[in-house]
Amino acid sequence: MPQLPALQMRRRETPIRLRVHIADITVNYLKYTAPMENVKSFSKKFYEMLPLFCCSGSA
């Protein structure tokens, strides 16, 4: 799975803080760009994918 450069640079910071930061940006972005039914389905997928972003390469 491709990783964003920002995630690679900041991955060694506290994962919880980074996760919350990514979620905040994503939710704020979706509020302005997607209807509510799409936000719900995307949020489910997004939170399923978060552990992959945060844990890959940290072992």
Protein backbone atom coordinates (compact mmCIF):
# COMPACT_ATOMS: atom_id res chain seq x y z
CA MET A 1 0.00 0.00 0.00
CA PRO A 2 1.52 3.37 -0.98
CA GLN A 3 2.31 5.70 1.88
CA LEU A 4 2.18 9.46 1.97
CA PRO A 5 5.54 11.19 2.57
CA ALA A 6 4.10 13.03 5.58
CA LEU A 7 3.15 9.71 7.16
CA GLN A 8 6.63 8.31 6.60
CA MET A 9 8.30 11.37 8.13
CA ARG A 10 6.03 11.56 11.18
CA ARG A 11 5.43 7.85 11.76
CA ARG A 12 7.88 7.75 14.68
CA GLU A 13 5.92 10.36 16.61
CA THR A 14 3.15 9.19 18.92
CA PRO A 15 0.80 7.18 16.68
CA ILE A 16 -2.32 8.32 18.56
CA ARG A 17 -1.57 11.99 17.95
CA LEU A 18 -0.86 11.34 14.29
CA ARG A 19 -4.02 9.28 13.89
CA VAL A 20 -6.18 12.01 15.42
CA HIS A 21 -4.51 14.62 13.21
CA ILE A 22 -5.18 12.62 10.03
CA ALA A 23 -8.76 11.92 11.07
CA ASP A 24 -9.42 15.61 11.79
CA ILE A 25 -8.11 16.68 8.39
CA THR A 26 -10.08 13.96 6.62
CA VAL A 27 -13.35 14.71 8.40
CA ASN A 28 -13.02 18.45 7.79
CA TYR A 29 -12.24 17.81 4.13
CA LEU A 30 -15.19 15.47 3.68
CA LYS A 31 -17.61 17.90 5.33
CA TYR A 32 -17.10 20.26 2.42
CA THR A 33 -16.68 17.81 -0.45
CA ALA A 34 -19.01 14.85 0.09
CA PRO A 35 -22.70 14.27 0.89
CA MET A 36 -23.41 12.67 4.26
CA GLU A 37 -24.13 9.15 3.02
CA ASN A 38 -20.70 9.05 1.38
CA VAL A 39 -19.02 10.35 4.53
CA LYS A 40 -20.46 7.48 6.55
CA SER A 41 -19.26 4.76 4.19
CA PHE A 42 -15.87 6.41 3.75
CA SER A 43 -15.39 6.85 7.49
CA LYS A 44 -15.88 3.13 8.02
CA LYS A 45 -13.26 2.28 5.39
CA PHE A 46 -10.93 5.02 6.65
CA TYR A 47 -10.90 3.73 10.23
CA GLU A 48 -10.38 0.17 9.01
CA MET A 49 -7.32 1.35 7.07
CA LEU A 50 -5.81 3.51 9.82
CA PRO A 51 -3.96 0.65 11.58
CA LEU A 52 -2.33 -0.25 8.26
CA PHE A 53 -1.01 3.29 7.81
CA CYS A 54 0.19 3.65 11.38
CA CYS A 55 1.62 0.18 11.99
CA SER A 56 3.23 -0.74 8.68
CA GLY A 57 7.00 -0.55 9.01
CA SER A 58 6.95 0.16 12.75
CA ALA A 59 7.62 -3.46 13.76
